[in-house]
């Protein structure tokens, strides 16, 4: 945000101030972990796999 500060009659200073982000390393790690989890679940769903259940389900396809 730009604003002007008056120093004395006829003397001004133009200042730019920017939003300060208070992101911490922990918040960045949590966002990255959440993003990777969602990406893994989506990738598993695309190939028809349930990555939350690592034991595969076996179906009996024999002729009776």
Protein backbone atom coordinates (compact mmCIF):
# COMPACT_ATOMS: atom_id res chain seq x y z
CA UNK A 1 0.00 0.00 0.00
CA UNK A 2 1.46 3.35 -0.97
CA UNK A 3 1.15 6.35 1.27
CA UNK A 4 2.78 9.75 1.69
CA UNK A 5 4.35 11.07 4.90
CA UNK A 6 4.77 14.82 5.31
CA UNK A 7 8.15 15.74 6.77
CA UNK A 8 7.85 19.53 6.72
CA UNK A 9 6.08 22.12 4.56
CA UNK A 10 6.84 21.20 0.97
CA UNK A 11 8.77 18.00 1.89
CA UNK A 12 7.19 14.56 1.57
CA UNK A 13 8.32 10.97 1.53
CA UNK A 14 6.49 8.31 -0.49
CA UNK A 15 6.45 4.95 1.25
CA UNK A 16 5.44 1.48 0.13
CA UNK A 17 4.31 -0.98 2.76
CA UNK A 18 3.62 -4.63 2.13
CA UNK A 19 1.62 -7.29 3.94
CA UNK A 20 3.79 -9.32 6.28
CA UNK A 21 3.22 -13.05 6.16
CA UNK A 22 3.45 -14.89 9.47
CA UNK A 23 3.79 -18.37 8.02
CA UNK A 24 5.86 -20.73 10.11
CA UNK A 25 7.87 -23.73 9.04
CA UNK A 26 5.37 -26.02 10.77
CA UNK A 27 2.45 -24.56 8.80
CA UNK A 28 4.33 -25.05 5.53
CA UNK A 29 5.10 -28.66 6.46
CA UNK A 30 1.44 -29.32 7.34
CA UNK A 31 0.23 -27.85 4.05
CA UNK A 32 2.79 -29.93 2.12
CA UNK A 33 1.76 -33.11 3.95
CA UNK A 34 -1.93 -32.45 3.32
CA UNK A 35 -1.25 -31.76 -0.36
CA UNK A 36 0.75 -34.96 -0.77
CA UNK A 37 -1.93 -37.00 1.02
CA UNK A 38 -4.67 -35.69 -1.24
CA UNK A 39 -2.48 -36.27 -4.32
CA UNK A 40 -1.76 -39.86 -3.24
CA UNK A 41 -5.44 -40.62 -2.60
CA UNK A 42 -6.37 -39.13 -5.97
CA UNK A 43 -3.66 -41.08 -7.81
CA UNK A 44 -4.78 -44.28 -6.13
CA UNK A 45 -8.38 -43.62 -7.09
CA UNK A 46 -7.36 -43.05 -10.71
CA UNK A 47 -5.84 -46.53 -10.95
CA UNK A 48 -8.59 -48.16 -8.90
CA UNK A 49 -6.55 -48.82 -5.78
CA UNK A 50 -7.43 -48.14 -2.15
CA UNK A 51 -4.14 -46.93 -0.67
CA UNK A 52 -5.66 -46.75 2.81
CA UNK A 53 -5.97 -50.55 2.84
CA UNK A 54 -2.60 -52.05 1.79
CA UNK A 55 -3.77 -55.68 1.85
CA UNK A 56 -5.19 -56.54 -1.57
CA UNK A 57 -8.56 -58.21 -1.77
CA UNK A 58 -8.43 -61.50 -3.67
CA UNK A 59 -11.41 -62.59 -5.69
CA UNK A 60 -12.09 -66.18 -6.66
CA UNK A 61 -12.51 -66.15 -10.42
CA UNK A 62 -12.60 -69.93 -10.89
CA UNK A 63 -15.37 -71.53 -12.94
CA UNK A 64 -17.96 -73.49 -10.98
